[in-house]
Amino acid sequence: MDADGSNQTRLTSNSADDNDPSWSPDGSKIAFHSNRDGNYDIYVMDADGSNQRQVTDVGGASFAPYWHPDGDRILFSSNHHDEQGRDFDIYMINLDGTGLVRITQADGFDGFPVFSPDGRHLVFASNRNNGGTSDTNVFIAEWVEGG
């Protein structure tokens, strides 16, 4: 849609829960999560809604995709590593579904990753270090590639 809310165009058309759209850095693609194949997984489509394809297939719930500044990878939250499904961490994956990397490793919840405009920092929500409460706080981490 236009910035004023006019000219809305539906990009997905199914009975699934399609959510959390995130524009690629160059504006040509949109990442989103969907449960159209059972679990919540990350999908990518062209900006006009065409060429929809599944990126993750790791089990559990994968959601809140956000593009790496290079436009070739996506960060997202997932609980696929936890048999109880309560522990969420942040992962990164290539657009072709290869190269899955776990970014955070903390008990509880780490999610909703977002890069700073210059790509030097990763901002995310977490309930780590909350003194045993249910508080979720915002964390900022310096992004060090390969570190």
N, C-alpha and C. Protein backbone atom coordinates (compact mmCIF):
# COMPACT_ATOMS: atom_id res chain seq x y z
N MET A 1 0.83 -1.17 0.00
CA MET A 1 0.00 0.00 0.00
C MET A 1 0.87 1.24 0.00
N ASP A 2 0.26 2.32 -0.35
CA ASP A 2 0.96 3.60 -0.30
C ASP A 2 1.11 4.02 1.16
N ALA A 3 2.01 4.96 1.42
CA ALA A 3 2.30 5.40 2.78
C ALA A 3 1.06 5.94 3.49
N ASP A 4 0.10 6.47 2.76
CA ASP A 4 -1.12 7.00 3.37
C ASP A 4 -2.19 5.93 3.60
N GLY A 5 -1.87 4.67 3.28
CA GLY A 5 -2.80 3.57 3.50
C GLY A 5 -3.69 3.26 2.31
N SER A 6 -3.58 4.02 1.25
CA SER A 6 -4.40 3.77 0.07
C SER A 6 -3.73 2.73 -0.83
N ASN A 7 -4.46 2.24 -1.81
CA ASN A 7 -3.96 1.27 -2.80
C ASN A 7 -3.43 -0.02 -2.17
N GLN A 8 -4.19 -0.54 -1.22
CA GLN A 8 -3.80 -1.79 -0.57
C GLN A 8 -3.92 -2.95 -1.55
N THR A 9 -2.94 -3.85 -1.49
CA THR A 9 -2.93 -5.05 -2.33
C THR A 9 -2.64 -6.25 -1.45
N ARG A 10 -3.50 -7.25 -1.54
CA ARG A 10 -3.28 -8.48 -0.78
C ARG A 10 -2.19 -9.29 -1.47
N LEU A 11 -1.18 -9.73 -0.70
CA LEU A 11 -0.05 -10.45 -1.27
C LEU A 11 -0.12 -11.96 -1.07
N THR A 12 -0.83 -12.42 -0.04
CA THR A 12 -1.02 -13.85 0.17
C THR A 12 -2.51 -14.13 0.21
N SER A 13 -2.88 -15.31 -0.21
CA SER A 13 -4.30 -15.65 -0.25
C SER A 13 -4.46 -17.14 0.08
N ASN A 14 -4.58 -17.43 1.37
CA ASN A 14 -4.79 -18.80 1.83
C ASN A 14 -5.41 -18.73 3.21
N SER A 15 -5.70 -19.88 3.79
CA SER A 15 -6.32 -19.91 5.11
C SER A 15 -5.28 -19.91 6.24
N ALA A 16 -4.03 -19.79 5.90
CA ALA A 16 -2.95 -19.85 6.89
C ALA A 16 -2.80 -18.53 7.63
N ASP A 17 -2.03 -18.58 8.67
CA ASP A 17 -1.67 -17.42 9.46
C ASP A 17 -0.36 -16.87 8.91
N ASP A 18 -0.42 -15.88 8.02
CA ASP A 18 0.76 -15.25 7.43
C ASP A 18 1.01 -13.93 8.17
N ASN A 19 2.18 -13.79 8.80
CA ASN A 19 2.44 -12.64 9.68
C ASN A 19 3.88 -12.16 9.60
N ASP A 20 4.12 -11.07 10.31
CA ASP A 20 5.45 -10.49 10.54
C ASP A 20 6.23 -10.21 9.26
N PRO A 21 5.67 -9.45 8.33
CA PRO A 21 6.43 -9.16 7.11
C PRO A 21 7.64 -8.27 7.39
N SER A 22 8.70 -8.52 6.64
CA SER A 22 9.93 -7.75 6.77
C SER A 22 10.51 -7.53 5.38
N TRP A 23 10.73 -6.28 5.01
CA TRP A 23 11.27 -5.94 3.68
C TRP A 23 12.76 -6.21 3.61
N SER A 24 13.21 -6.76 2.49
CA SER A 24 14.64 -6.93 2.25
C SER A 24 15.30 -5.55 2.14
N PRO A 25 16.59 -5.46 2.38
CA PRO A 25 17.26 -4.16 2.33
C PRO A 25 17.06 -3.41 1.00
N ASP A 26 16.98 -4.14 -0.11
CA ASP A 26 16.80 -3.47 -1.40
C ASP A 26 15.33 -3.30 -1.79
N GLY A 27 14.41 -3.77 -0.94
CA GLY A 27 12.99 -3.60 -1.18
C GLY A 27 12.39 -4.54 -2.21
N SER A 28 13.15 -5.53 -2.67
CA SER A 28 12.64 -6.42 -3.73
C SER A 28 11.92 -7.65 -3.19
N LYS A 29 12.11 -7.98 -1.91
CA LYS A 29 11.53 -9.19 -1.33
C LYS A 29 10.94 -8.90 0.04
N ILE A 30 10.07 -9.81 0.47
CA ILE A 30 9.47 -9.74 1.79
C ILE A 30 9.61 -11.11 2.45
N ALA A 31 10.13 -11.12 3.67
CA ALA A 31 10.16 -12.34 4.48
C ALA A 31 8.96 -12.28 5.43
N PHE A 32 8.39 -13.44 5.74
CA PHE A 32 7.26 -13.51 6.67
C PHE A 32 7.21 -14.90 7.25
N HIS A 33 6.41 -15.08 8.31
CA HIS A 33 6.23 -16.43 8.83
C HIS A 33 4.80 -16.87 8.54
N SER A 34 4.65 -18.20 8.40
CA SER A 34 3.36 -18.77 8.07
C SER A 34 3.27 -20.19 8.61
N ASN A 35 2.04 -20.60 8.90
CA ASN A 35 1.80 -21.99 9.32
C ASN A 35 1.11 -22.78 8.21
N ARG A 36 1.26 -22.35 6.97
CA ARG A 36 0.58 -22.99 5.85
C ARG A 36 0.98 -24.45 5.63
N ASP A 37 2.12 -24.87 6.14
CA ASP A 37 2.55 -26.26 6.00
C ASP A 37 2.60 -26.99 7.35
N GLY A 38 1.89 -26.47 8.33
CA GLY A 38 1.85 -27.11 9.64
C GLY A 38 2.50 -26.26 10.71
N ASN A 39 3.82 -26.37 10.86
CA ASN A 39 4.56 -25.55 11.82
C ASN A 39 4.69 -24.12 11.29
N TYR A 40 5.01 -23.22 12.19
CA TYR A 40 5.35 -21.86 11.74
C TYR A 40 6.75 -21.90 11.16
N ASP A 41 6.88 -21.47 9.93
CA ASP A 41 8.16 -21.42 9.23
C ASP A 41 8.33 -20.07 8.57
N ILE A 42 9.56 -19.80 8.14
CA ILE A 42 9.89 -18.55 7.46
C ILE A 42 9.74 -18.76 5.96
N TYR A 43 9.12 -17.79 5.31
CA TYR A 43 8.89 -17.79 3.87
C TYR A 43 9.42 -16.48 3.30
N VAL A 44 9.70 -16.50 2.01
CA VAL A 44 10.13 -15.31 1.29
C VAL A 44 9.29 -15.21 0.02
N MET A 45 8.97 -13.98 -0.37
CA MET A 45 8.28 -13.75 -1.63
C MET A 45 8.81 -12.47 -2.25
N ASP A 46 8.59 -12.33 -3.55
CA ASP A 46 8.92 -11.07 -4.21
C ASP A 46 7.98 -9.99 -3.67
N ALA A 47 8.35 -8.74 -3.80
CA ALA A 47 7.59 -7.63 -3.24
C ALA A 47 6.16 -7.56 -3.77
N ASP A 48 5.90 -8.14 -4.94
CA ASP A 48 4.54 -8.13 -5.50
C ASP A 48 3.73 -9.36 -5.07
N GLY A 49 4.29 -10.21 -4.21
CA GLY A 49 3.60 -11.40 -3.71
C GLY A 49 3.88 -12.66 -4.51
N SER A 50 4.60 -12.56 -5.59
CA SER A 50 4.91 -13.73 -6.41
C SER A 50 6.11 -14.50 -5.84
N ASN A 51 6.32 -15.69 -6.36
CA ASN A 51 7.47 -16.53 -6.01
C ASN A 51 7.58 -16.80 -4.51
N GLN A 52 6.45 -17.15 -3.89
CA GLN A 52 6.47 -17.49 -2.47
C GLN A 52 7.13 -18.85 -2.28
N ARG A 53 8.08 -18.89 -1.32
CA ARG A 53 8.75 -20.15 -1.07
C ARG A 53 9.18 -20.25 0.39
N GLN A 54 9.18 -21.47 0.89
CA GLN A 54 9.54 -21.75 2.26
C GLN A 54 11.07 -21.74 2.40
N VAL A 55 11.56 -21.09 3.46
CA VAL A 55 12.99 -21.02 3.72
C VAL A 55 13.38 -21.98 4.85
N THR A 56 12.61 -22.01 5.93
CA THR A 56 12.93 -22.90 7.05
C THR A 56 12.04 -24.12 7.06
N ASP A 57 12.57 -25.21 7.57
CA ASP A 57 11.82 -26.45 7.80
C ASP A 57 12.54 -27.19 8.91
N VAL A 58 12.58 -26.56 10.10
CA VAL A 58 13.38 -27.09 11.21
C VAL A 58 12.53 -27.67 12.33
N GLY A 59 11.21 -27.61 12.21
CA GLY A 59 10.33 -28.05 13.28
C GLY A 59 10.10 -26.92 14.26
N GLY A 60 9.23 -27.15 15.21
CA GLY A 60 8.92 -26.11 16.19
C GLY A 60 8.31 -24.89 15.53
N ALA A 61 8.48 -23.76 16.17
CA ALA A 61 7.93 -22.51 15.67
C ALA A 61 9.06 -21.56 15.29
N SER A 62 9.06 -21.10 14.05
CA SER A 62 10.02 -20.10 13.58
C SER A 62 9.23 -18.86 13.18
N PHE A 63 9.61 -17.70 13.71
CA PHE A 63 8.82 -16.49 13.48
C PHE A 63 9.70 -15.25 13.57
N ALA A 64 9.10 -14.09 13.35
CA ALA A 64 9.75 -12.78 13.47
C ALA A 64 11.00 -12.66 12.59
N PRO A 65 10.86 -12.89 11.28
CA PRO A 65 12.04 -12.78 10.41
C PRO A 65 12.49 -11.34 10.25
N TYR A 66 13.80 -11.17 10.12
CA TYR A 66 14.37 -9.85 9.83
C TYR A 66 15.61 -10.06 8.97
N TRP A 67 15.75 -9.26 7.96
CA TRP A 67 16.84 -9.42 6.99
C TRP A 67 18.18 -8.99 7.54
N HIS A 68 19.18 -9.78 7.27
CA HIS A 68 20.57 -9.37 7.50
C HIS A 68 20.84 -8.23 6.52
N PRO A 69 21.67 -7.26 6.87
CA PRO A 69 21.93 -6.14 5.96
C PRO A 69 22.45 -6.54 4.58
N ASP A 70 23.06 -7.74 4.44
CA ASP A 70 23.56 -8.15 3.12
C ASP A 70 22.44 -8.60 2.18
N GLY A 71 21.21 -8.80 2.71
CA GLY A 71 20.08 -9.21 1.89
C GLY A 71 20.10 -10.66 1.46
N ASP A 72 21.11 -11.42 1.90
CA ASP A 72 21.23 -12.83 1.52
C ASP A 72 20.87 -13.79 2.64
N ARG A 73 20.64 -13.25 3.84
CA ARG A 73 20.34 -14.07 5.01
C ARG A 73 19.20 -13.44 5.81
N ILE A 74 18.56 -14.28 6.61
CA ILE A 74 17.45 -13.82 7.44
C ILE A 74 17.69 -14.30 8.86
N LEU A 75 17.48 -13.42 9.82
CA LEU A 75 17.47 -13.79 11.23
C LEU A 75 16.03 -14.03 11.64
N PHE A 76 15.82 -14.94 12.59
CA PHE A 76 14.47 -15.23 13.06
C PHE A 76 14.55 -15.88 14.43
N SER A 77 13.42 -15.97 15.10
CA SER A 77 13.32 -16.62 16.41
C SER A 77 12.78 -18.02 16.21
N SER A 78 13.26 -18.96 17.01
CA SER A 78 12.76 -20.33 16.92
C SER A 78 12.95 -21.08 18.22
N ASN A 79 12.06 -22.04 18.45
CA ASN A 79 12.16 -22.94 19.60
C ASN A 79 12.44 -24.37 19.16
N HIS A 80 12.85 -24.57 17.93
CA HIS A 80 12.99 -25.93 17.39
C HIS A 80 14.01 -26.79 18.14
N HIS A 81 14.93 -26.17 18.84
CA HIS A 81 15.97 -26.90 19.57
C HIS A 81 15.50 -27.41 20.93
N ASP A 82 14.32 -26.97 21.39
CA ASP A 82 13.83 -27.30 22.72
C ASP A 82 12.63 -28.24 22.63
N GLU A 83 12.78 -29.44 23.18
CA GLU A 83 11.69 -30.44 23.10
C GLU A 83 10.41 -29.95 23.77
N GLN A 84 10.52 -29.14 24.81
CA GLN A 84 9.33 -28.60 25.47
C GLN A 84 8.75 -27.39 24.72
N GLY A 85 9.53 -26.80 23.81
CA GLY A 85 9.05 -25.67 23.02
C GLY A 85 8.96 -24.35 23.76
N ARG A 86 9.66 -24.23 24.89
CA ARG A 86 9.57 -23.01 25.70
C ARG A 86 10.78 -22.09 25.53
N ASP A 87 11.88 -22.64 25.07
CA ASP A 87 13.13 -21.88 24.95
C ASP A 87 13.28 -21.38 23.52
N PHE A 88 13.28 -20.08 23.34
CA PHE A 88 13.43 -19.48 22.00
C PHE A 88 14.78 -18.79 21.90
N ASP A 89 15.46 -19.01 20.79
CA ASP A 89 16.70 -18.31 20.50
C ASP A 89 16.63 -17.72 19.10
N ILE A 90 17.63 -16.93 18.77
CA ILE A 90 17.70 -16.28 17.46
C ILE A 90 18.63 -17.09 16.57
N TYR A 91 18.20 -17.31 15.34
CA TYR A 91 18.94 -18.07 14.33
C TYR A 91 19.11 -17.22 13.08
N MET A 92 20.05 -17.63 12.25
CA MET A 92 20.25 -17.00 10.94
C MET A 92 20.31 -18.11 9.90
N ILE A 93 19.75 -17.84 8.72
CA ILE A 93 19.72 -18.84 7.66
C ILE A 93 19.87 -18.15 6.31
N ASN A 94 20.49 -18.86 5.36
CA ASN A 94 20.58 -18.35 3.99
C ASN A 94 19.21 -18.43 3.33
N LEU A 95 18.99 -17.63 2.30
CA LEU A 95 17.71 -17.62 1.60
C LEU A 95 17.34 -18.95 0.98
N ASP A 96 18.34 -19.79 0.68
CA ASP A 96 18.04 -21.09 0.09
C ASP A 96 17.80 -22.17 1.15
N GLY A 97 17.75 -21.78 2.42
CA GLY A 97 17.47 -22.72 3.50
C GLY A 97 18.68 -23.44 4.05
N THR A 98 19.86 -23.10 3.58
CA THR A 98 21.09 -23.72 4.07
C THR A 98 21.78 -22.80 5.08
N GLY A 99 22.78 -23.33 5.74
CA GLY A 99 23.64 -22.52 6.60
C GLY A 99 22.99 -22.04 7.89
N LEU A 100 22.13 -22.84 8.48
CA LEU A 100 21.48 -22.45 9.73
C LEU A 100 22.51 -22.25 10.83
N VAL A 101 22.48 -21.09 11.49
CA VAL A 101 23.41 -20.75 12.56
C VAL A 101 22.61 -20.24 13.75
N ARG A 102 22.92 -20.76 14.92
CA ARG A 102 22.30 -20.27 16.14
C ARG A 102 23.06 -19.04 16.61
N ILE A 103 22.36 -17.93 16.80
CA ILE A 103 23.00 -16.67 17.18
C ILE A 103 23.02 -16.48 18.70
N THR A 104 21.92 -16.79 19.38
CA THR A 104 21.87 -16.64 20.84
C THR A 104 21.71 -18.01 21.48
N GLN A 105 22.16 -18.11 22.74
CA GLN A 105 22.02 -19.34 23.52
C GLN A 105 21.78 -18.96 24.97
N ALA A 106 20.53 -18.72 25.28
CA ALA A 106 20.17 -18.35 26.64
C ALA A 106 18.88 -19.07 27.02
N ASP A 107 18.73 -19.36 28.30
CA ASP A 107 17.48 -19.95 28.75
C ASP A 107 16.37 -18.92 28.59
N GLY A 108 15.18 -19.41 28.26
CA GLY A 108 14.04 -18.51 28.15
C GLY A 108 13.80 -18.04 26.73
N PHE A 109 13.59 -16.75 26.60
CA PHE A 109 13.17 -16.19 25.32
C PHE A 109 14.16 -15.15 24.80
N ASP A 110 14.64 -15.34 23.59
CA ASP A 110 15.34 -14.32 22.80
C ASP A 110 14.59 -14.24 21.49
N GLY A 111 14.18 -13.07 21.08
CA GLY A 111 13.41 -12.99 19.84
C GLY A 111 13.32 -11.59 19.28
N PHE A 112 12.60 -11.48 18.18
CA PHE A 112 12.34 -10.24 17.47
C PHE A 112 13.63 -9.49 17.11
N PRO A 113 14.55 -10.16 16.41
CA PRO A 113 15.81 -9.51 16.05
C PRO A 113 15.61 -8.41 15.01
N VAL A 114 16.34 -7.31 15.17
CA VAL A 114 16.31 -6.18 14.24
C VAL A 114 17.72 -5.59 14.20
N PHE A 115 18.21 -5.29 12.99
CA PHE A 115 19.51 -4.63 12.86
C PHE A 115 19.36 -3.12 12.93
N SER A 116 20.38 -2.48 13.47
CA SER A 116 20.44 -1.02 13.41
C SER A 116 20.58 -0.61 11.95
N PRO A 117 20.22 0.62 11.61
CA PRO A 117 20.30 1.05 10.20
C PRO A 117 21.67 0.86 9.57
N ASP A 118 22.75 1.00 10.36
CA ASP A 118 24.10 0.83 9.80
C ASP A 118 24.58 -0.62 9.83
N GLY A 119 23.77 -1.55 10.39
CA GLY A 119 24.13 -2.96 10.43
C GLY A 119 25.17 -3.33 11.46
N ARG A 120 25.54 -2.39 12.31
CA ARG A 120 26.60 -2.65 13.30
C ARG A 120 26.08 -3.26 14.60
N HIS A 121 24.77 -3.15 14.83
CA HIS A 121 24.21 -3.64 16.08
C HIS A 121 22.95 -4.46 15.82
N LEU A 122 22.76 -5.48 16.65
CA LEU A 122 21.56 -6.28 16.63
C LEU A 122 20.77 -5.94 17.88
N VAL A 123 19.52 -5.60 17.69
CA VAL A 123 18.61 -5.29 18.79
C VAL A 123 17.63 -6.45 18.88
N PHE A 124 17.34 -6.92 20.09
CA PHE A 124 16.40 -8.01 20.25
C PHE A 124 15.74 -7.96 21.62
N ALA A 125 14.62 -8.65 21.75
CA ALA A 125 13.91 -8.76 23.02
C ALA A 125 14.35 -10.03 23.72
N SER A 126 14.44 -9.98 25.04
CA SER A 126 14.85 -11.16 25.80
C SER A 126 14.33 -11.07 27.22
N ASN A 127 14.09 -12.24 27.82
CA ASN A 127 13.76 -12.23 29.24
C ASN A 127 14.92 -12.79 30.07
N ARG A 128 16.13 -12.76 29.50
CA ARG A 128 17.33 -13.12 30.27
C ARG A 128 17.61 -12.02 31.30
N ASN A 129 18.30 -12.37 32.34
CA ASN A 129 18.74 -11.42 33.37
C ASN A 129 17.59 -10.59 33.94
N ASN A 130 16.41 -11.20 34.10
CA ASN A 130 15.26 -10.44 34.59
C ASN A 130 14.95 -10.71 36.06
N GLY A 131 15.88 -11.35 36.76
CA GLY A 131 15.70 -11.60 38.19
C GLY A 131 14.57 -12.57 38.51
N GLY A 132 14.24 -13.44 37.55
CA GLY A 132 13.19 -14.42 37.79
C GLY A 132 11.78 -13.92 37.55
N THR A 133 11.66 -12.71 37.05
CA THR A 133 10.33 -12.17 36.75
C THR A 133 9.94 -12.55 35.32
N SER A 134 8.80 -12.11 34.90
CA SER A 134 8.37 -12.36 33.52
C SER A 134 8.70 -11.19 32.61
N ASP A 135 9.51 -10.25 33.08
CA ASP A 135 9.86 -9.07 32.29
C ASP A 135 10.62 -9.45 31.03
N THR A 136 10.30 -8.79 29.94
CA THR A 136 11.05 -8.90 28.69
C THR A 136 11.68 -7.55 28.45
N ASN A 137 12.98 -7.54 28.19
CA ASN A 137 13.73 -6.31 28.01
C ASN A 137 14.34 -6.26 26.62
N VAL A 138 14.80 -5.09 26.25
CA VAL A 138 15.45 -4.87 24.96
C VAL A 138 16.96 -4.90 25.16
N PHE A 139 17.65 -5.66 24.31
CA PHE A 139 19.10 -5.77 24.35
C PHE A 139 19.69 -5.27 23.05
N ILE A 140 20.87 -4.71 23.14
CA ILE A 140 21.62 -4.26 21.96
C ILE A 140 22.98 -4.94 22.02
N ALA A 141 23.34 -5.61 20.91
CA ALA A 141 24.62 -6.30 20.84
C ALA A 141 25.37 -5.83 19.61
N GLU A 142 26.68 -5.65 19.76
CA GLU A 142 27.50 -5.34 18.59
C GLU A 142 27.53 -6.57 17.69
N TRP A 143 27.28 -6.37 16.39
CA TRP A 143 27.28 -7.49 15.44
C TRP A 143 28.70 -7.69 14.95
N VAL A 144 29.25 -8.87 15.23
CA VAL A 144 30.59 -9.21 14.78
C VAL A 144 30.45 -10.44 13.90
N GLU A 145 30.64 -10.27 12.60
CA GLU A 145 30.49 -11.37 11.64
C GLU A 145 31.52 -12.44 11.90
N GLY A 146 31.03 -13.68 12.03
CA GLY A 146 31.92 -14.82 12.24
C GLY A 146 32.45 -14.93 13.65
N GLY A 147 31.95 -14.08 14.54
CA GLY A 147 32.46 -14.08 15.90
C GLY A 147 31.59 -14.77 16.88
